Amino acid sequence: MNDYLQIHRATDDVTVLHDRAEIPGLGVLPVNTFVLHSEQPVVVDTGLSTSDKDFVDQLARVIDPADVRWIWLTHPDRDHTGGLFRLLEAAPQARLVTTFVGVGILGCQWDVPLDRVFLLNPGQDLDVGDRKLSCLRPPLFDSPVTTGFLDRATGALFSSDCFGAPLADAGLAGAESVREVADQDLRAAQLLWAAVDSPWARTVDRSIWHRAVGGFRSLDPSAVFSTHLPPAVGVPEALWDNLLEAPEGPEFVGPDQAALEELLASFEPV
């Protein structure tokens, strides 16, 4: 078996399946999937969409895919949908939790089994047997269909891309706790990710932004599970401070064609 995922139990109820993506010039971006071990088990996102990944086989190291009852797709970007349709095949009882527009986006590429879909909007709850999951929209997002949720039983917050941070190396990206990242490095990485992933944040009215982050913070989560950050169990204050600062962060401008041509030229044989 190709053990490409790092797997660890972050809390009694949550297992993290960690992958990563190396992004030149930015760092190493964590790409996490989560299993919520509720009475009706929930898989949150399904990993990277690359040909070398077999998400279902990897998930089977944590839970029998046939036991999965819910697949919560936070949004249909390719770094969240890698194993989605194979998992739907392997988990015949599972329903796909997404939004109306999320189905529309998925339908541009795949035949979405509408009888397996469960549409859920921010402000609504999903009953998974022993607890309810309250759907919400995080303050930072890169897709208009993004949803996360608060586990009402434990206070764990699943935040999709929000709080994300490309880190210096694979070791930090795969850390079992965000506390392994130095505060100054975490701040720089969160602000960089906000600039890359949510550039619109720089245009937001600051009073509106402070209210949005304040409302999110008032949930007082016991843990934050972001797709693109090591788990934050017992949420460090720095996470909130960095999120609040996102509109003030640096503007990101990527390499242009001249830089690409220079890079390609470096690959040419002498």
C-alpha atoms as a PDB file:
ATOM      1  CA  MET A   1       0.000   0.000   0.000  1.00  0.00           C
ATOM      2  CA  ASN A   2       1.186   3.509  -0.787  1.00  0.00           C
ATOM      3  CA  ASP A   3       1.189   5.174   2.635  1.00  0.00           C
ATOM      4  CA  TYR A   4       1.246   8.702   1.286  1.00  0.00           C
ATOM      5  CA  LEU A   5      -1.016  10.079   4.004  1.00  0.00           C
ATOM      6  CA  GLN A   6       0.078  10.800   7.552  1.00  0.00           C
ATOM      7  CA  ILE A   7      -2.712   9.758   9.872  1.00  0.00           C
ATOM      8  CA  HIS A   8      -3.194  10.643  13.511  1.00  0.00           C
ATOM      9  CA  ARG A   9      -5.977  10.998  16.023  1.00  0.00           C
ATOM     10  CA  ALA A  10      -6.207  14.670  16.971  1.00  0.00           C
ATOM     11  CA  THR A  11      -8.992  14.238  19.549  1.00  0.00           C
ATOM     12  CA  ASP A  12     -11.182  11.384  20.741  1.00  0.00           C
ATOM     13  CA  ASP A  13     -13.636  12.193  17.946  1.00  0.00           C
ATOM     14  CA  VAL A  14     -11.444  13.414  15.052  1.00  0.00           C
ATOM     15  CA  THR A  15      -8.838  11.669  12.921  1.00  0.00           C
ATOM     16  CA  VAL A  16      -6.672  13.721  10.568  1.00  0.00           C
ATOM     17  CA  LEU A  17      -5.532  12.334   7.208  1.00  0.00           C
ATOM     18  CA  HIS A  18      -2.742  14.698   6.182  1.00  0.00           C
ATOM     19  CA  ASP A  19      -1.375  15.270   2.709  1.00  0.00           C
ATOM     20  CA  ARG A  20       0.483  18.320   1.409  1.00  0.00           C
ATOM     21  CA  ALA A  21       1.217  20.303  -1.719  1.00  0.00           C
ATOM     22  CA  GLU A  22       4.555  21.976  -2.386  1.00  0.00           C
ATOM     23  CA  ILE A  23       3.959  25.380  -3.969  1.00  0.00           C
ATOM     24  CA  PRO A  24       7.069  27.047  -5.423  1.00  0.00           C
ATOM     25  CA  GLY A  25       7.683  30.416  -3.853  1.00  0.00           C
ATOM     26  CA  LEU A  26       5.085  29.904  -1.124  1.00  0.00           C
ATOM     27  CA  GLY A  27       6.056  26.827   0.859  1.00  0.00           C
ATOM     28  CA  VAL A  28       4.368  23.559   1.745  1.00  0.00           C
ATOM     29  CA  LEU A  29       0.595  23.726   2.076  1.00  0.00           C
ATOM     30  CA  PRO A  30      -1.110  21.194   4.365  1.00  0.00           C
ATOM     31  CA  VAL A  31      -4.053  19.442   2.711  1.00  0.00           C
ATOM     32  CA  ASN A  32      -6.103  17.709   5.376  1.00  0.00           C
ATOM     33  CA  THR A  33      -9.110  15.438   5.351  1.00  0.00           C
ATOM     34  CA  PHE A  34     -10.932  14.695   8.588  1.00  0.00           C
ATOM     35  CA  VAL A  35     -13.002  11.820   9.893  1.00  0.00           C
ATOM     36  CA  LEU A  36     -15.505  12.751  12.577  1.00  0.00           C
ATOM     37  CA  HIS A  37     -16.213   9.596  14.554  1.00  0.00           C
ATOM     38  CA  SER A  38     -19.816  10.425  15.361  1.00  0.00           C
ATOM     39  CA  GLU A  39     -22.610   7.840  15.589  1.00  0.00           C
ATOM     40  CA  GLN A  40     -23.066   8.389  11.856  1.00  0.00           C
ATOM     41  CA  PRO A  41     -19.444   8.870  10.722  1.00  0.00           C
ATOM     42  CA  VAL A  42     -18.607  11.966   8.686  1.00  0.00           C
ATOM     43  CA  VAL A  43     -15.727  12.400   6.231  1.00  0.00           C
ATOM     44  CA  VAL A  44     -14.837  16.074   5.704  1.00  0.00           C
ATOM     45  CA  ASP A  45     -13.408  16.623   2.194  1.00  0.00           C
ATOM     46  CA  THR A  46     -11.647  13.934   0.149  1.00  0.00           C
ATOM     47  CA  GLY A  47      -8.120  15.064  -0.634  1.00  0.00           C
ATOM     48  CA  LEU A  48      -6.058  16.097  -3.628  1.00  0.00           C
ATOM     49  CA  SER A  49      -7.175  15.308  -7.161  1.00  0.00           C
ATOM     50  CA  THR A  50      -3.933  13.854  -8.518  1.00  0.00           C
ATOM     51  CA  SER A  51      -3.500  10.565 -10.352  1.00  0.00           C
ATOM     52  CA  ASP A  52      -1.156   9.059  -7.753  1.00  0.00           C
ATOM     53  CA  LYS A  53      -3.673   9.343  -4.915  1.00  0.00           C
ATOM     54  CA  ASP A  54      -6.003   6.520  -3.877  1.00  0.00           C
ATOM     55  CA  PHE A  55      -8.003   8.224  -1.184  1.00  0.00           C
ATOM     56  CA  VAL A  56     -10.417   5.376  -0.454  1.00  0.00           C
ATOM     57  CA  ASP A  57      -7.614   2.895   0.221  1.00  0.00           C
ATOM     58  CA  GLN A  58      -6.020   5.400   2.564  1.00  0.00           C
ATOM     59  CA  LEU A  59      -9.305   6.136   4.319  1.00  0.00           C
ATOM     60  CA  ALA A  60      -9.724   2.398   4.941  1.00  0.00           C
ATOM     61  CA  ARG A  61      -6.794   2.635   7.365  1.00  0.00           C
ATOM     62  CA  VAL A  62      -9.089   4.717   9.590  1.00  0.00           C
ATOM     63  CA  ILE A  63     -12.632   3.495   8.930  1.00  0.00           C
ATOM     64  CA  ASP A  64     -14.370   0.964   6.723  1.00  0.00           C
ATOM     65  CA  PRO A  65     -15.596   3.163   3.859  1.00  0.00           C
ATOM     66  CA  ALA A  66     -18.882   1.247   3.890  1.00  0.00           C
ATOM     67  CA  ASP A  67     -19.557   2.670   7.366  1.00  0.00           C
ATOM     68  CA  VAL A  68     -19.320   6.292   6.243  1.00  0.00           C
ATOM     69  CA  ARG A  69     -22.724   7.982   6.413  1.00  0.00           C
ATOM     70  CA  TRP A  70     -21.907  11.561   5.435  1.00  0.00           C
ATOM     71  CA  ILE A  71     -19.360  13.197   3.137  1.00  0.00           C
ATOM     72  CA  TRP A  72     -19.179  16.896   3.945  1.00  0.00           C
ATOM     73  CA  LEU A  73     -17.669  18.692   0.969  1.00  0.00           C
ATOM     74  CA  THR A  74     -16.652  22.131   2.190  1.00  0.00           C
ATOM     75  CA  HIS A  75     -16.396  23.300  -1.435  1.00  0.00           C
ATOM     76  CA  PRO A  76     -15.676  21.666  -4.797  1.00  0.00           C
ATOM     77  CA  ASP A  77     -12.093  22.844  -5.439  1.00  0.00           C
ATOM     78  CA  ARG A  78      -9.813  20.129  -6.747  1.00  0.00           C
ATOM     79  CA  ASP A  79      -7.814  19.903  -3.514  1.00  0.00           C
ATOM     80  CA  HIS A  80     -11.019  18.848  -1.721  1.00  0.00           C
ATOM     81  CA  THR A  81     -12.601  16.427  -4.215  1.00  0.00           C
ATOM     82  CA  GLY A  82      -9.867  13.902  -5.015  1.00  0.00           C
ATOM     83  CA  GLY A  83     -11.604  10.784  -3.710  1.00  0.00           C
ATOM     84  CA  LEU A  84     -15.183  12.036  -3.737  1.00  0.00           C
ATOM     85  CA  PHE A  85     -16.792   9.852  -6.365  1.00  0.00           C
ATOM     86  CA  ARG A  86     -14.817   6.729  -5.536  1.00  0.00           C
ATOM     87  CA  LEU A  87     -15.885   7.192  -1.923  1.00  0.00           C
ATOM     88  CA  LEU A  88     -19.526   7.546  -2.950  1.00  0.00           C
ATOM     89  CA  GLU A  89     -19.163   4.171  -4.692  1.00  0.00           C
ATOM     90  CA  ALA A  90     -17.437   2.575  -1.686  1.00  0.00           C
ATOM     91  CA  ALA A  91     -19.880   4.076   0.848  1.00  0.00           C
ATOM     92  CA  PRO A  92     -23.361   3.233  -0.455  1.00  0.00           C
ATOM     93  CA  GLN A  93     -25.086   4.632   2.653  1.00  0.00           C
ATOM     94  CA  ALA A  94     -23.284   7.977   2.496  1.00  0.00           C
ATOM     95  CA  ARG A  95     -24.955  11.258   1.567  1.00  0.00           C
ATOM     96  CA  LEU A  96     -23.026  14.140   0.031  1.00  0.00           C
ATOM     97  CA  VAL A  97     -23.416  17.344   2.043  1.00  0.00           C
ATOM     98  CA  THR A  98     -23.053  20.434  -0.130  1.00  0.00           C
ATOM     99  CA  THR A  99     -25.023  23.429  -1.382  1.00  0.00           C
ATOM    100  CA  PHE A 100     -27.229  24.023  -4.419  1.00  0.00           C
ATOM    101  CA  VAL A 101     -24.451  25.917  -6.214  1.00  0.00           C
ATOM    102  CA  GLY A 102     -21.939  23.292  -5.097  1.00  0.00           C
ATOM    103  CA  VAL A 103     -23.926  20.660  -6.981  1.00  0.00           C
ATOM    104  CA  GLY A 104     -23.958  22.918 -10.020  1.00  0.00           C
ATOM    105  CA  ILE A 105     -20.172  23.307  -9.971  1.00  0.00           C
ATOM    106  CA  LEU A 106     -19.598  19.569  -9.488  1.00  0.00           C
ATOM    107  CA  GLY A 107     -22.033  18.890 -12.331  1.00  0.00           C
ATOM    108  CA  CYS A 108     -19.791  20.742 -14.773  1.00  0.00           C
ATOM    109  CA  GLN A 109     -17.431  17.759 -14.646  1.00  0.00           C
ATOM    110  CA  TRP A 110     -19.216  14.789 -13.071  1.00  0.00           C
ATOM    111  CA  ASP A 111     -22.638  13.177 -13.030  1.00  0.00           C
ATOM    112  CA  VAL A 112     -23.729  13.979  -9.487  1.00  0.00           C
ATOM    113  CA  PRO A 113     -26.165  11.411  -8.033  1.00  0.00           C
ATOM    114  CA  LEU A 114     -28.872  13.809  -6.846  1.00  0.00           C
ATOM    115  CA  ASP A 115     -30.557  11.128  -4.746  1.00  0.00           C
ATOM    116  CA  ARG A 116     -27.353  10.982  -2.681  1.00  0.00           C
ATOM    117  CA  VAL A 117     -27.131  14.765  -2.176  1.00  0.00           C
ATOM    118  CA  PHE A 118     -28.095  16.538   1.053  1.00  0.00           C
ATOM    119  CA  LEU A 119     -28.350  20.311   0.564  1.00  0.00           C
ATOM    120  CA  LEU A 120     -27.400  22.282   3.660  1.00  0.00           C
ATOM    121  CA  ASN A 121     -27.061  26.046   4.014  1.00  0.00           C
ATOM    122  CA  PRO A 122     -25.321  28.166   6.660  1.00  0.00           C
ATOM    123  CA  GLY A 123     -27.583  28.480   9.682  1.00  0.00           C
ATOM    124  CA  GLN A 124     -28.948  24.943   9.325  1.00  0.00           C
ATOM    125  CA  ASP A 125     -28.008  21.832  11.318  1.00  0.00           C
ATOM    126  CA  LEU A 126     -27.143  18.292  10.277  1.00  0.00           C
ATOM    127  CA  ASP A 127     -28.149  15.517  12.694  1.00  0.00           C
ATOM    128  CA  VAL A 128     -25.521  12.743  12.703  1.00  0.00           C
ATOM    129  CA  GLY A 129     -27.096  10.619  15.412  1.00  0.00           C
ATOM    130  CA  ASP A 130     -25.295  11.537  18.611  1.00  0.00           C
ATOM    131  CA  ARG A 131     -24.807  15.238  17.826  1.00  0.00           C
ATOM    132  CA  LYS A 132     -25.729  18.098  15.549  1.00  0.00           C
ATOM    133  CA  LEU A 133     -23.354  19.862  13.200  1.00  0.00           C
ATOM    134  CA  SER A 134     -24.160  23.540  12.680  1.00  0.00           C
ATOM    135  CA  CYS A 135     -23.371  24.702   9.155  1.00  0.00           C
ATOM    136  CA  LEU A 136     -21.635  28.074   8.811  1.00  0.00           C
ATOM    137  CA  ARG A 137     -19.632  30.162   6.369  1.00  0.00           C
ATOM    138  CA  PRO A 138     -16.098  30.994   7.573  1.00  0.00           C
ATOM    139  CA  PRO A 139     -14.930  34.615   7.238  1.00  0.00           C
ATOM    140  CA  LEU A 140     -12.162  33.719   4.760  1.00  0.00           C
ATOM    141  CA  PHE A 141     -12.935  31.549   1.740  1.00  0.00           C
ATOM    142  CA  ASP A 142     -11.990  31.185  -1.922  1.00  0.00           C
ATOM    143  CA  SER A 143     -15.288  29.777  -3.165  1.00  0.00           C
ATOM    144  CA  PRO A 144     -18.768  31.265  -2.730  1.00  0.00           C
ATOM    145  CA  VAL A 145     -20.129  27.815  -1.854  1.00  0.00           C
ATOM    146  CA  THR A 146     -17.751  27.250   1.072  1.00  0.00           C
ATOM    147  CA  THR A 147     -19.268  25.887   4.265  1.00  0.00           C
ATOM    148  CA  GLY A 148     -17.774  24.646   7.502  1.00  0.00           C
ATOM    149  CA  PHE A 149     -19.423  23.517  10.702  1.00  0.00           C
ATOM    150  CA  LEU A 150     -19.344  23.563  14.471  1.00  0.00           C
ATOM    151  CA  ASP A 151     -19.692  20.212  16.226  1.00  0.00           C
ATOM    152  CA  ARG A 152     -22.195  21.062  18.959  1.00  0.00           C
ATOM    153  CA  ALA A 153     -21.143  18.067  21.067  1.00  0.00           C
ATOM    154  CA  THR A 154     -17.452  18.928  21.360  1.00  0.00           C
ATOM    155  CA  GLY A 155     -17.099  22.517  20.154  1.00  0.00           C
ATOM    156  CA  ALA A 156     -14.748  21.503  17.340  1.00  0.00           C
ATOM    157  CA  LEU A 157     -14.831  23.938  14.420  1.00  0.00           C
ATOM    158  CA  PHE A 158     -14.184  22.707  10.869  1.00  0.00           C
ATOM    159  CA  SER A 159     -13.190  25.819   8.934  1.00  0.00           C
ATOM    160  CA  SER A 160     -12.343  24.684   5.373  1.00  0.00           C
ATOM    161  CA  ASP A 161      -9.649  27.017   3.913  1.00  0.00           C
ATOM    162  CA  CYS A 162      -9.976  29.605   6.686  1.00  0.00           C
ATOM    163  CA  PHE A 163      -6.845  29.869   8.902  1.00  0.00           C
ATOM    164  CA  GLY A 164      -4.770  28.194   6.176  1.00  0.00           C
ATOM    165  CA  ALA A 165      -1.000  28.673   6.070  1.00  0.00           C
ATOM    166  CA  PRO A 166       1.714  27.451   3.666  1.00  0.00           C
ATOM    167  CA  LEU A 167       4.589  26.480   5.937  1.00  0.00           C
ATOM    168  CA  ALA A 168       8.352  26.324   5.574  1.00  0.00           C
ATOM    169  CA  ASP A 169       8.746  22.583   5.151  1.00  0.00           C
ATOM    170  CA  ALA A 170       6.950  19.253   5.094  1.00  0.00           C
ATOM    171  CA  GLY A 171       7.708  18.623   8.752  1.00  0.00           C
ATOM    172  CA  LEU A 172       5.831  21.713   9.889  1.00  0.00           C
ATOM    173  CA  ALA A 173       3.032  21.184   7.370  1.00  0.00           C
ATOM    174  CA  GLY A 174       2.509  17.702   8.792  1.00  0.00           C
ATOM    175  CA  ALA A 175       2.801  18.707  12.446  1.00  0.00           C
ATOM    176  CA  GLU A 176       0.251  17.176  14.786  1.00  0.00           C
ATOM    177  CA  SER A 177      -0.352  20.581  16.376  1.00  0.00           C
ATOM    178  CA  VAL A 178      -0.169  24.130  15.100  1.00  0.00           C
ATOM    179  CA  ARG A 179       1.664  24.975  18.317  1.00  0.00           C
ATOM    180  CA  GLU A 180       4.781  23.490  16.716  1.00  0.00           C
ATOM    181  CA  VAL A 181       4.861  26.525  14.402  1.00  0.00           C
ATOM    182  CA  ALA A 182       6.538  29.636  15.821  1.00  0.00           C
ATOM    183  CA  ASP A 183       4.118  32.538  16.317  1.00  0.00           C
ATOM    184  CA  GLN A 184       5.906  34.875  13.912  1.00  0.00           C
ATOM    185  CA  ASP A 185       6.080  32.184  11.226  1.00  0.00           C
ATOM    186  CA  LEU A 186       2.403  31.354  11.691  1.00  0.00           C
ATOM    187  CA  ARG A 187       1.433  35.019  11.346  1.00  0.00           C
ATOM    188  CA  ALA A 188       3.418  35.461   8.139  1.00  0.00           C
ATOM    189  CA  ALA A 189       2.053  32.234   6.665  1.00  0.00           C
ATOM    190  CA  GLN A 190      -1.588  32.991   7.529  1.00  0.00           C
ATOM    191  CA  LEU A 191      -1.345  36.489   6.058  1.00  0.00           C
ATOM    192  CA  LEU A 192       0.304  35.103   2.920  1.00  0.00           C
ATOM    193  CA  TRP A 193      -2.447  32.512   2.504  1.00  0.00           C
ATOM    194  CA  ALA A 194      -5.141  35.138   2.973  1.00  0.00           C
ATOM    195  CA  ALA A 195      -3.506  37.230   0.243  1.00  0.00           C
ATOM    196  CA  VAL A 196      -3.256  34.272  -2.144  1.00  0.00           C
ATOM    197  CA  ASP A 197      -6.528  32.480  -1.421  1.00  0.00           C
ATOM    198  CA  SER A 198      -8.849  35.370  -0.509  1.00  0.00           C
ATOM    199  CA  PRO A 199      -7.463  38.538  -2.140  1.00  0.00           C
ATOM    200  CA  TRP A 200     -10.875  40.178  -1.826  1.00  0.00           C
ATOM    201  CA  ALA A 201     -10.272  40.510   1.926  1.00  0.00           C
ATOM    202  CA  ARG A 202      -8.135  43.603   1.279  1.00  0.00           C
ATOM    203  CA  THR A 203     -11.243  45.408  -0.046  1.00  0.00           C
ATOM    204  CA  VAL A 204     -13.502  44.666   2.927  1.00  0.00           C
ATOM    205  CA  ASP A 205     -14.745  47.450   5.178  1.00  0.00           C
ATOM    206  CA  ARG A 206     -12.732  46.995   8.349  1.00  0.00           C
ATOM    207  CA  SER A 207     -15.671  47.479  10.736  1.00  0.00           C
ATOM    208  CA  ILE A 208     -17.631  44.796   8.880  1.00  0.00           C
ATOM    209  CA  TRP A 209     -14.603  42.506   8.954  1.00  0.00           C
ATOM    210  CA  HIS A 210     -14.126  42.940  12.695  1.00  0.00           C
ATOM    211  CA  ARG A 211     -17.768  42.076  13.300  1.00  0.00           C
ATOM    212  CA  ALA A 212     -17.511  38.986  11.089  1.00  0.00           C
ATOM    213  CA  VAL A 213     -14.393  37.690  12.821  1.00  0.00           C
ATOM    214  CA  GLY A 214     -15.829  38.585  16.222  1.00  0.00           C
ATOM    215  CA  GLY A 215     -18.963  36.573  15.512  1.00  0.00           C
ATOM    216  CA  PHE A 216     -16.852  33.617  14.398  1.00  0.00           C
ATOM    217  CA  ARG A 217     -14.652  33.898  17.464  1.00  0.00           C
ATOM    218  CA  SER A 218     -17.685  34.033  19.755  1.00  0.00           C
ATOM    219  CA  LEU A 219     -18.334  30.393  18.880  1.00  0.00           C
ATOM    220  CA  ASP A 220     -15.451  29.751  21.309  1.00  0.00           C
ATOM    221  CA  PRO A 221     -14.361  26.499  19.642  1.00  0.00           C
ATOM    222  CA  SER A 222     -12.432  23.858  21.537  1.00  0.00           C
ATOM    223  CA  ALA A 223     -10.416  23.095  18.386  1.00  0.00           C
ATOM    224  CA  VAL A 224     -10.021  24.394  14.846  1.00  0.00           C
ATOM    225  CA  PHE A 225      -9.633  21.917  12.008  1.00  0.00           C
ATOM    226  CA  SER A 226      -8.629  23.723   8.831  1.00  0.00           C
ATOM    227  CA  THR A 227      -7.946  21.974   5.537  1.00  0.00           C
ATOM    228  CA  HIS A 228      -4.705  23.912   5.196  1.00  0.00           C
ATOM    229  CA  LEU A 229      -3.292  24.141   8.727  1.00  0.00           C
ATOM    230  CA  PRO A 230      -2.059  21.665  11.339  1.00  0.00           C
ATOM    231  CA  PRO A 231      -4.789  20.928  13.918  1.00  0.00           C
ATOM    232  CA  ALA A 232      -5.343  23.591  16.558  1.00  0.00           C
ATOM    233  CA  VAL A 233      -6.658  21.840  19.670  1.00  0.00           C
ATOM    234  CA  GLY A 234      -7.146  24.427  22.377  1.00  0.00           C
ATOM    235  CA  VAL A 235      -7.143  27.314  19.917  1.00  0.00           C
ATOM    236  CA  PRO A 236      -4.120  29.652  20.229  1.00  0.00           C
ATOM    237  CA  GLU A 237      -4.998  33.345  20.439  1.00  0.00           C
ATOM    238  CA  ALA A 238      -2.600  33.982  17.554  1.00  0.00           C
ATOM    239  CA  LEU A 239      -4.970  32.254  15.132  1.00  0.00           C
ATOM    240  CA  TRP A 240      -7.674  34.833  15.804  1.00  0.00           C
ATOM    241  CA  ASP A 241      -5.275  37.773  15.805  1.00  0.00           C
ATOM    242  CA  ASN A 242      -3.863  36.723  12.441  1.00  0.00           C
ATOM    243  CA  LEU A 243      -7.326  36.245  10.971  1.00  0.00           C
ATOM    244  CA  LEU A 244      -8.357  39.691  12.162  1.00  0.00           C
ATOM    245  CA  GLU A 245      -5.282  41.141  10.462  1.00  0.00           C
ATOM    246  CA  ALA A 246      -5.940  39.485   7.080  1.00  0.00           C
ATOM    247  CA  PRO A 247      -7.209  42.647   5.302  1.00  0.00           C
ATOM    248  CA  GLU A 248      -4.008  44.445   6.311  1.00  0.00           C
ATOM    249  CA  GLY A 249      -1.705  41.748   4.961  1.00  0.00           C
ATOM    250  CA  PRO A 250       0.570  41.980   1.933  1.00  0.00           C
ATOM    251  CA  GLU A 251      -0.799  41.944  -1.577  1.00  0.00           C
ATOM    252  CA  PHE A 252       0.230  38.824  -3.481  1.00  0.00           C
ATOM    253  CA  VAL A 253       1.403  39.101  -7.081  1.00  0.00           C
ATOM    254  CA  GLY A 254       2.523  35.843  -8.670  1.00  0.00           C
ATOM    255  CA  PRO A 255       5.295  35.283 -11.211  1.00  0.00           C
ATOM    256  CA  ASP A 256       4.642  36.640 -14.712  1.00  0.00           C
ATOM    257  CA  GLN A 257       5.440  35.230 -18.146  1.00  0.00           C
ATOM    258  CA  ALA A 258       9.023  36.512 -18.098  1.00  0.00           C
ATOM    259  CA  ALA A 259       9.643  34.635 -14.855  1.00  0.00           C
ATOM    260  CA  LEU A 260       8.114  31.483 -16.338  1.00  0.00           C
ATOM    261  CA  GLU A 261      10.306  31.712 -19.432  1.00  0.00           C
ATOM    262  CA  GLU A 262      13.371  32.174 -17.251  1.00  0.00           C
ATOM    263  CA  LEU A 263      12.420  29.078 -15.287  1.00  0.00           C
ATOM    264  CA  LEU A 264      11.822  27.030 -18.444  1.00  0.00           C
ATOM    265  CA  ALA A 265      15.159  28.138 -19.855  1.00  0.00           C
ATOM    266  CA  SER A 266      16.892  26.810 -16.773  1.00  0.00           C
ATOM    267  CA  PHE A 267      15.571  23.331 -17.651  1.00  0.00           C
ATOM    268  CA  GLU A 268      17.008  23.342 -21.139  1.00  0.00           C
ATOM    269  CA  PRO A 269      20.176  21.273 -21.695  1.00  0.00           C
ATOM    270  CA  VAL A 270      23.394  23.180 -22.251  1.00  0.00           C
END
